């Protein structure tokens, strides 16, 4: 069974957002991140995109690719929930630095297996 157009779209949104976060944080320290509201907002937005797109990926694809840690995306959503005191940017930083590199590797393999090209050269 081939990928549906919706799954293709969601998977490409995820990898594009992964590349964006990686580009924001590649040569950034925690202190720089915490002191740069534009970087924080951009990172949060990309993590929201990842979480929302991952929720829309079909159960078929999720079961076909158990190597992808799908629950990480749920954690992104939880980290970004606006509570009375706002977003915990330390947690966003930690999640992005810890989880994004692994997700990138997993998604690049998934895209290769599914015959998709993200359109990015990194």
C-alpha atoms as a PDB file:
ATOM      1  CA  UNK A   1       0.000   0.000   0.000  1.00  0.00           C
ATOM      2  CA  UNK A   2       1.426   3.372  -0.970  1.00  0.00           C
ATOM      3  CA  UNK A   3       1.334   6.530   1.066  1.00  0.00           C
ATOM      4  CA  UNK A   4      -1.765   8.651   0.896  1.00  0.00           C
ATOM      5  CA  UNK A   5      -1.402  12.265  -0.171  1.00  0.00           C
ATOM      6  CA  UNK A   6      -2.313  13.318   3.378  1.00  0.00           C
ATOM      7  CA  UNK A   7       0.369  11.124   4.954  1.00  0.00           C
ATOM      8  CA  UNK A   8       2.955  12.461   2.495  1.00  0.00           C
ATOM      9  CA  UNK A   9       2.010  16.007   3.391  1.00  0.00           C
ATOM     10  CA  UNK A  10       2.135  15.377   7.144  1.00  0.00           C
ATOM     11  CA  UNK A  11       5.473  13.553   6.969  1.00  0.00           C
ATOM     12  CA  UNK A  12       7.021  16.334   4.895  1.00  0.00           C
ATOM     13  CA  UNK A  13       5.701  18.948   7.333  1.00  0.00           C
ATOM     14  CA  UNK A  14       7.370  17.047  10.161  1.00  0.00           C
ATOM     15  CA  UNK A  15      10.772  16.778   8.486  1.00  0.00           C
ATOM     16  CA  UNK A  16      10.651  20.416   7.355  1.00  0.00           C
ATOM     17  CA  UNK A  17       9.919  21.500  10.934  1.00  0.00           C
ATOM     18  CA  UNK A  18      12.735  19.282  12.221  1.00  0.00           C
ATOM     19  CA  UNK A  19      15.172  20.976   9.832  1.00  0.00           C
ATOM     20  CA  UNK A  20      13.937  24.392  10.908  1.00  0.00           C
ATOM     21  CA  UNK A  21      14.440  23.716  14.619  1.00  0.00           C
ATOM     22  CA  UNK A  22      17.837  22.230  13.923  1.00  0.00           C
ATOM     23  CA  UNK A  23      18.856  25.343  11.976  1.00  0.00           C
ATOM     24  CA  UNK A  24      17.683  27.625  14.792  1.00  0.00           C
ATOM     25  CA  UNK A  25      19.528  25.769  17.531  1.00  0.00           C
ATOM     26  CA  UNK A  26      22.560  24.400  15.696  1.00  0.00           C
ATOM     27  CA  UNK A  27      25.069  26.940  17.016  1.00  0.00           C
ATOM     28  CA  UNK A  28      23.034  28.320  19.895  1.00  0.00           C
ATOM     29  CA  UNK A  29      23.573  28.023  23.602  1.00  0.00           C
ATOM     30  CA  UNK A  30      20.809  27.537  26.122  1.00  0.00           C
ATOM     31  CA  UNK A  31      21.382  31.073  27.381  1.00  0.00           C
ATOM     32  CA  UNK A  32      21.127  32.544  23.869  1.00  0.00           C
ATOM     33  CA  UNK A  33      17.930  30.606  23.293  1.00  0.00           C
ATOM     34  CA  UNK A  34      16.367  31.732  26.556  1.00  0.00           C
ATOM     35  CA  UNK A  35      17.276  35.365  25.895  1.00  0.00           C
ATOM     36  CA  UNK A  36      15.985  35.465  22.307  1.00  0.00           C
ATOM     37  CA  UNK A  37      12.200  35.729  22.155  1.00  0.00           C
ATOM     38  CA  UNK A  38      12.123  35.374  18.374  1.00  0.00           C
ATOM     39  CA  UNK A  39      14.115  32.130  18.506  1.00  0.00           C
ATOM     40  CA  UNK A  40      11.925  30.786  21.291  1.00  0.00           C
ATOM     41  CA  UNK A  41       8.738  31.628  19.396  1.00  0.00           C
ATOM     42  CA  UNK A  42      10.038  30.133  16.149  1.00  0.00           C
ATOM     43  CA  UNK A  43      11.130  26.928  17.891  1.00  0.00           C
ATOM     44  CA  UNK A  44       7.803  26.566  19.662  1.00  0.00           C
ATOM     45  CA  UNK A  45       5.945  27.124  16.387  1.00  0.00           C
ATOM     46  CA  UNK A  46       7.945  24.410  14.601  1.00  0.00           C
ATOM     47  CA  UNK A  47       7.420  21.992  17.483  1.00  0.00           C
ATOM     48  CA  UNK A  48       3.690  22.710  17.311  1.00  0.00           C
ATOM     49  CA  UNK A  49       3.769  21.959  13.574  1.00  0.00           C
ATOM     50  CA  UNK A  50       5.544  18.657  14.258  1.00  0.00           C
ATOM     51  CA  UNK A  51       3.103  17.662  16.995  1.00  0.00           C
ATOM     52  CA  UNK A  52       0.027  18.570  14.958  1.00  0.00           C
ATOM     53  CA  UNK A  53       1.268  16.832  11.813  1.00  0.00           C
ATOM     54  CA  UNK A  54       2.262  13.704  13.765  1.00  0.00           C
ATOM     55  CA  UNK A  55      -1.226  13.483  15.260  1.00  0.00           C
ATOM     56  CA  UNK A  56      -2.629  13.418  11.710  1.00  0.00           C
ATOM     57  CA  UNK A  57      -0.343  10.672  10.379  1.00  0.00           C
ATOM     58  CA  UNK A  58      -2.423   7.584   9.761  1.00  0.00           C
ATOM     59  CA  UNK A  59      -2.326   4.615  12.114  1.00  0.00           C
ATOM     60  CA  UNK A  60      -1.159   2.555   9.116  1.00  0.00           C
ATOM     61  CA  UNK A  61       2.043   4.601   8.763  1.00  0.00           C
ATOM     62  CA  UNK A  62       2.618   4.688  12.509  1.00  0.00           C
ATOM     63  CA  UNK A  63       2.349   0.918  12.710  1.00  0.00           C
ATOM     64  CA  UNK A  64       4.493   0.489   9.588  1.00  0.00           C
ATOM     65  CA  UNK A  65       7.233   2.631  11.172  1.00  0.00           C
ATOM     66  CA  UNK A  66       7.454   1.691  14.856  1.00  0.00           C
ATOM     67  CA  UNK A  67      11.102   2.792  14.817  1.00  0.00           C
ATOM     68  CA  UNK A  68       9.843   6.381  14.945  1.00  0.00           C
ATOM     69  CA  UNK A  69       9.228   7.393  18.561  1.00  0.00           C
ATOM     70  CA  UNK A  70       5.727   8.752  17.867  1.00  0.00           C
ATOM     71  CA  UNK A  71       5.022   9.494  21.571  1.00  0.00           C
ATOM     72  CA  UNK A  72       7.788  12.129  21.506  1.00  0.00           C
ATOM     73  CA  UNK A  73       5.410  14.321  19.516  1.00  0.00           C
ATOM     74  CA  UNK A  74       2.800  14.029  22.245  1.00  0.00           C
ATOM     75  CA  UNK A  75       5.494  15.164  24.679  1.00  0.00           C
ATOM     76  CA  UNK A  76       6.123  18.192  22.467  1.00  0.00           C
ATOM     77  CA  UNK A  77       2.441  19.067  22.740  1.00  0.00           C
ATOM     78  CA  UNK A  78       2.527  18.692  26.499  1.00  0.00           C
ATOM     79  CA  UNK A  79       5.643  20.864  26.761  1.00  0.00           C
ATOM     80  CA  UNK A  80       3.964  23.614  24.790  1.00  0.00           C
ATOM     81  CA  UNK A  81       0.685  23.728  26.659  1.00  0.00           C
ATOM     82  CA  UNK A  82       0.029  27.215  27.910  1.00  0.00           C
ATOM     83  CA  UNK A  83      -0.553  27.026  31.618  1.00  0.00           C
ATOM     84  CA  UNK A  84      -1.062  29.876  34.039  1.00  0.00           C
ATOM     85  CA  UNK A  85       2.664  30.636  33.882  1.00  0.00           C
ATOM     86  CA  UNK A  86       3.208  30.130  30.155  1.00  0.00           C
ATOM     87  CA  UNK A  87       5.555  27.861  28.264  1.00  0.00           C
ATOM     88  CA  UNK A  88       8.486  26.237  30.029  1.00  0.00           C
ATOM     89  CA  UNK A  89      11.278  27.234  27.630  1.00  0.00           C
ATOM     90  CA  UNK A  90      13.870  25.194  29.514  1.00  0.00           C
ATOM     91  CA  UNK A  91      11.770  22.136  28.751  1.00  0.00           C
ATOM     92  CA  UNK A  92      11.366  23.217  25.122  1.00  0.00           C
ATOM     93  CA  UNK A  93      15.155  23.610  24.847  1.00  0.00           C
ATOM     94  CA  UNK A  94      15.821  20.235  26.426  1.00  0.00           C
ATOM     95  CA  UNK A  95      13.257  18.481  24.238  1.00  0.00           C
ATOM     96  CA  UNK A  96      14.552  20.111  21.085  1.00  0.00           C
ATOM     97  CA  UNK A  97      18.217  19.387  21.786  1.00  0.00           C
ATOM     98  CA  UNK A  98      17.603  15.840  23.017  1.00  0.00           C
ATOM     99  CA  UNK A  99      14.844  14.673  20.679  1.00  0.00           C
ATOM    100  CA  UNK A 100      15.281  16.523  17.373  1.00  0.00           C
ATOM    101  CA  UNK A 101      18.536  14.806  16.278  1.00  0.00           C
ATOM    102  CA  UNK A 102      17.044  11.347  16.857  1.00  0.00           C
ATOM    103  CA  UNK A 103      13.794  12.294  15.139  1.00  0.00           C
ATOM    104  CA  UNK A 104      15.728  13.648  12.183  1.00  0.00           C
ATOM    105  CA  UNK A 105      17.566  10.348  11.674  1.00  0.00           C
ATOM    106  CA  UNK A 106      14.372   8.335  12.027  1.00  0.00           C
ATOM    107  CA  UNK A 107      12.410  10.539   9.638  1.00  0.00           C
ATOM    108  CA  UNK A 108      15.141  10.646   7.017  1.00  0.00           C
ATOM    109  CA  UNK A 109      15.114   6.826   7.021  1.00  0.00           C
ATOM    110  CA  UNK A 110      11.310   6.757   6.906  1.00  0.00           C
ATOM    111  CA  UNK A 111      11.275   9.165   3.958  1.00  0.00           C
ATOM    112  CA  UNK A 112      13.891   7.093   2.123  1.00  0.00           C
ATOM    113  CA  UNK A 113      11.916   3.882   2.703  1.00  0.00           C
ATOM    114  CA  UNK A 114       8.729   5.563   1.486  1.00  0.00           C
ATOM    115  CA  UNK A 115      10.478   7.105  -1.536  1.00  0.00           C
ATOM    116  CA  UNK A 116       9.945  10.681  -0.428  1.00  0.00           C
ATOM    117  CA  UNK A 117      12.403  13.525  -0.743  1.00  0.00           C
ATOM    118  CA  UNK A 118      12.108  16.383   1.716  1.00  0.00           C
ATOM    119  CA  UNK A 119      13.547  18.817  -0.799  1.00  0.00           C
ATOM    120  CA  UNK A 120      16.253  19.853   1.644  1.00  0.00           C
ATOM    121  CA  UNK A 121      19.952  19.278   1.363  1.00  0.00           C
ATOM    122  CA  UNK A 122      21.585  19.408   4.755  1.00  0.00           C
END
